[in-house]
């Protein structure tokens, strides 16, 4: 689990798949948004996988 939201985008063609917890796998043919602390996994396909990962850091405000 990560502490920030992310968007993953595949660079090139692949048959690898992406799966959120308790959901069916989906092909990696469009950008996928992953919320912070959300369980997920990649399912290996044939060949190598190249991803672009864009992190969206959240700022925390401490109230006193």
N, C-alpha and C. Protein backbone atom coordinates (compact mmCIF):
# COMPACT_ATOMS: atom_id res chain seq x y z
N UNK A 1 0.85 -1.18 0.00
CA UNK A 1 0.00 0.00 0.00
C UNK A 1 0.89 1.24 0.00
N UNK A 2 0.42 2.24 -0.67
CA UNK A 2 1.16 3.49 -0.76
C UNK A 2 0.37 4.61 -0.10
N UNK A 3 1.09 5.65 0.28
CA UNK A 3 0.46 6.78 0.98
C UNK A 3 0.02 7.90 0.05
N UNK A 4 -0.04 7.65 -1.23
CA UNK A 4 -0.47 8.67 -2.17
C UNK A 4 -1.26 8.04 -3.31
N UNK A 5 -2.14 8.83 -3.91
CA UNK A 5 -2.88 8.37 -5.08
C UNK A 5 -1.91 8.27 -6.25
N UNK A 6 -2.21 7.39 -7.21
CA UNK A 6 -1.38 7.23 -8.38
C UNK A 6 -2.21 6.96 -9.61
N UNK A 7 -1.67 7.28 -10.75
CA UNK A 7 -2.24 6.89 -12.03
C UNK A 7 -1.15 6.11 -12.75
N UNK A 8 -1.50 4.90 -13.21
CA UNK A 8 -0.53 4.13 -13.99
C UNK A 8 -0.98 4.10 -15.44
N UNK A 9 -0.02 4.26 -16.32
CA UNK A 9 -0.26 4.26 -17.76
C UNK A 9 0.77 3.32 -18.40
N UNK A 10 0.30 2.42 -19.23
CA UNK A 10 1.20 1.49 -19.92
C UNK A 10 1.84 2.20 -21.10
N UNK A 11 3.14 1.99 -21.26
CA UNK A 11 3.87 2.53 -22.40
C UNK A 11 4.13 1.36 -23.34
N UNK A 12 3.38 1.27 -24.41
CA UNK A 12 3.51 0.17 -25.35
C UNK A 12 2.34 -0.80 -25.23
N UNK A 13 2.41 -1.87 -25.99
CA UNK A 13 1.35 -2.87 -25.98
C UNK A 13 1.72 -4.00 -25.04
N UNK A 14 0.72 -4.57 -24.36
CA UNK A 14 0.98 -5.65 -23.42
C UNK A 14 -0.28 -6.48 -23.20
N UNK A 15 -0.09 -7.70 -22.72
CA UNK A 15 -1.24 -8.50 -22.33
C UNK A 15 -1.25 -8.72 -20.81
N UNK A 16 -0.46 -7.96 -20.08
CA UNK A 16 -0.52 -7.98 -18.62
C UNK A 16 -1.89 -7.44 -18.20
N UNK A 17 -2.30 -7.78 -16.96
CA UNK A 17 -3.58 -7.32 -16.45
C UNK A 17 -3.41 -6.69 -15.08
N UNK A 18 -4.40 -5.91 -14.69
CA UNK A 18 -4.43 -5.20 -13.41
C UNK A 18 -5.65 -5.67 -12.63
N UNK A 19 -5.48 -5.82 -11.31
CA UNK A 19 -6.61 -6.27 -10.49
C UNK A 19 -6.64 -5.53 -9.17
N UNK A 20 -7.79 -4.90 -8.88
CA UNK A 20 -8.06 -4.35 -7.56
C UNK A 20 -8.54 -5.49 -6.68
N UNK A 21 -8.37 -5.36 -5.38
CA UNK A 21 -8.82 -6.39 -4.44
C UNK A 21 -10.31 -6.66 -4.61
N UNK A 22 -10.69 -7.92 -4.63
CA UNK A 22 -12.08 -8.38 -4.74
C UNK A 22 -12.75 -7.98 -6.05
N UNK A 23 -11.97 -7.76 -7.10
CA UNK A 23 -12.52 -7.46 -8.43
C UNK A 23 -11.84 -8.35 -9.46
N UNK A 24 -12.46 -8.46 -10.61
CA UNK A 24 -11.89 -9.24 -11.69
C UNK A 24 -10.75 -8.47 -12.36
N UNK A 25 -9.75 -9.18 -12.89
CA UNK A 25 -8.66 -8.51 -13.60
C UNK A 25 -9.15 -7.79 -14.85
N UNK A 26 -8.49 -6.68 -15.18
CA UNK A 26 -8.82 -5.91 -16.39
C UNK A 26 -7.54 -5.71 -17.20
N UNK A 27 -7.67 -5.59 -18.53
CA UNK A 27 -6.48 -5.33 -19.35
C UNK A 27 -5.92 -3.94 -19.06
N UNK A 28 -4.64 -3.80 -19.28
CA UNK A 28 -3.96 -2.51 -19.07
C UNK A 28 -3.95 -1.71 -20.37
N UNK A 29 -5.13 -1.39 -20.88
CA UNK A 29 -5.20 -0.68 -22.16
C UNK A 29 -5.62 0.78 -22.02
N UNK A 30 -5.77 1.26 -20.77
CA UNK A 30 -6.07 2.67 -20.52
C UNK A 30 -5.51 3.02 -19.15
N UNK A 31 -5.31 4.31 -18.86
CA UNK A 31 -4.78 4.70 -17.54
C UNK A 31 -5.69 4.22 -16.41
N UNK A 32 -5.08 3.83 -15.30
CA UNK A 32 -5.82 3.34 -14.14
C UNK A 32 -5.47 4.20 -12.94
N UNK A 33 -6.51 4.70 -12.26
CA UNK A 33 -6.34 5.51 -11.06
C UNK A 33 -6.37 4.59 -9.84
N UNK A 34 -5.38 4.71 -8.97
CA UNK A 34 -5.30 3.91 -7.75
C UNK A 34 -5.32 4.86 -6.56
N UNK A 35 -6.35 4.73 -5.70
CA UNK A 35 -6.43 5.55 -4.50
C UNK A 35 -5.40 5.09 -3.48
N UNK A 36 -4.96 6.00 -2.63
CA UNK A 36 -3.99 5.64 -1.60
C UNK A 36 -4.56 4.54 -0.72
N UNK A 37 -3.70 3.66 -0.28
CA UNK A 37 -4.03 2.52 0.59
C UNK A 37 -4.98 1.51 -0.05
N UNK A 38 -5.14 1.53 -1.35
CA UNK A 38 -6.02 0.59 -2.03
C UNK A 38 -5.20 -0.62 -2.50
N UNK A 39 -5.63 -1.81 -2.10
CA UNK A 39 -4.92 -3.03 -2.47
C UNK A 39 -5.11 -3.32 -3.97
N UNK A 40 -4.03 -3.75 -4.61
CA UNK A 40 -4.06 -4.04 -6.04
C UNK A 40 -2.89 -4.95 -6.40
N UNK A 41 -2.93 -5.49 -7.62
CA UNK A 41 -1.85 -6.35 -8.07
C UNK A 41 -1.79 -6.33 -9.60
N UNK A 42 -0.63 -6.69 -10.12
CA UNK A 42 -0.45 -6.89 -11.55
C UNK A 42 -0.42 -8.38 -11.82
N UNK A 43 -1.02 -8.79 -12.93
CA UNK A 43 -1.00 -10.19 -13.34
C UNK A 43 -0.11 -10.29 -14.57
N UNK A 44 0.96 -11.07 -14.41
CA UNK A 44 1.99 -11.16 -15.44
C UNK A 44 1.46 -11.72 -16.75
N UNK A 45 1.82 -11.04 -17.82
CA UNK A 45 1.54 -11.52 -19.16
C UNK A 45 2.84 -12.00 -19.78
N UNK A 46 2.87 -12.05 -21.09
CA UNK A 46 4.11 -12.42 -21.77
C UNK A 46 4.90 -11.16 -22.07
N UNK A 47 6.19 -11.28 -22.07
CA UNK A 47 7.04 -10.13 -22.38
C UNK A 47 7.20 -9.21 -21.18
N UNK A 48 7.87 -8.09 -21.42
CA UNK A 48 8.12 -7.13 -20.35
C UNK A 48 7.02 -6.08 -20.30
N UNK A 49 6.97 -5.37 -19.19
CA UNK A 49 5.96 -4.33 -18.97
C UNK A 49 6.66 -3.03 -18.63
N UNK A 50 6.29 -1.96 -19.32
CA UNK A 50 6.83 -0.63 -19.02
C UNK A 50 5.67 0.27 -18.66
N UNK A 51 5.75 0.88 -17.46
CA UNK A 51 4.68 1.73 -16.95
C UNK A 51 5.18 3.14 -16.69
N UNK A 52 4.27 4.09 -16.78
CA UNK A 52 4.50 5.45 -16.29
C UNK A 52 3.62 5.58 -15.05
N UNK A 53 4.22 5.93 -13.92
CA UNK A 53 3.48 6.07 -12.67
C UNK A 53 3.52 7.53 -12.26
N UNK A 54 2.34 8.12 -12.16
CA UNK A 54 2.23 9.52 -11.75
C UNK A 54 1.67 9.56 -10.35
N UNK A 55 2.46 10.07 -9.41
CA UNK A 55 2.03 10.13 -8.01
C UNK A 55 1.35 11.47 -7.75
N UNK A 56 0.26 11.42 -7.01
CA UNK A 56 -0.47 12.62 -6.62
C UNK A 56 -0.44 12.72 -5.10
N UNK A 57 0.55 13.42 -4.57
CA UNK A 57 0.70 13.52 -3.12
C UNK A 57 -0.44 14.33 -2.52
N UNK A 58 -0.92 13.85 -1.41
CA UNK A 58 -1.97 14.56 -0.67
C UNK A 58 -1.31 15.37 0.43
N UNK A 59 -1.82 16.54 0.65
CA UNK A 59 -1.30 17.34 1.75
C UNK A 59 -2.21 17.15 2.95
N UNK A 60 -1.59 17.05 4.11
CA UNK A 60 -2.36 16.87 5.33
C UNK A 60 -2.41 18.19 6.09
N UNK A 61 -3.56 18.45 6.64
CA UNK A 61 -3.73 19.65 7.46
C UNK A 61 -3.94 19.20 8.89
N UNK A 62 -3.10 19.66 9.78
CA UNK A 62 -3.27 19.33 11.19
C UNK A 62 -4.07 20.43 11.87
N UNK A 63 -5.20 20.03 12.44
CA UNK A 63 -6.02 21.01 13.15
C UNK A 63 -5.72 20.92 14.63
N UNK A 64 -5.55 22.07 15.23
CA UNK A 64 -5.28 22.09 16.68
C UNK A 64 -6.31 22.88 17.41
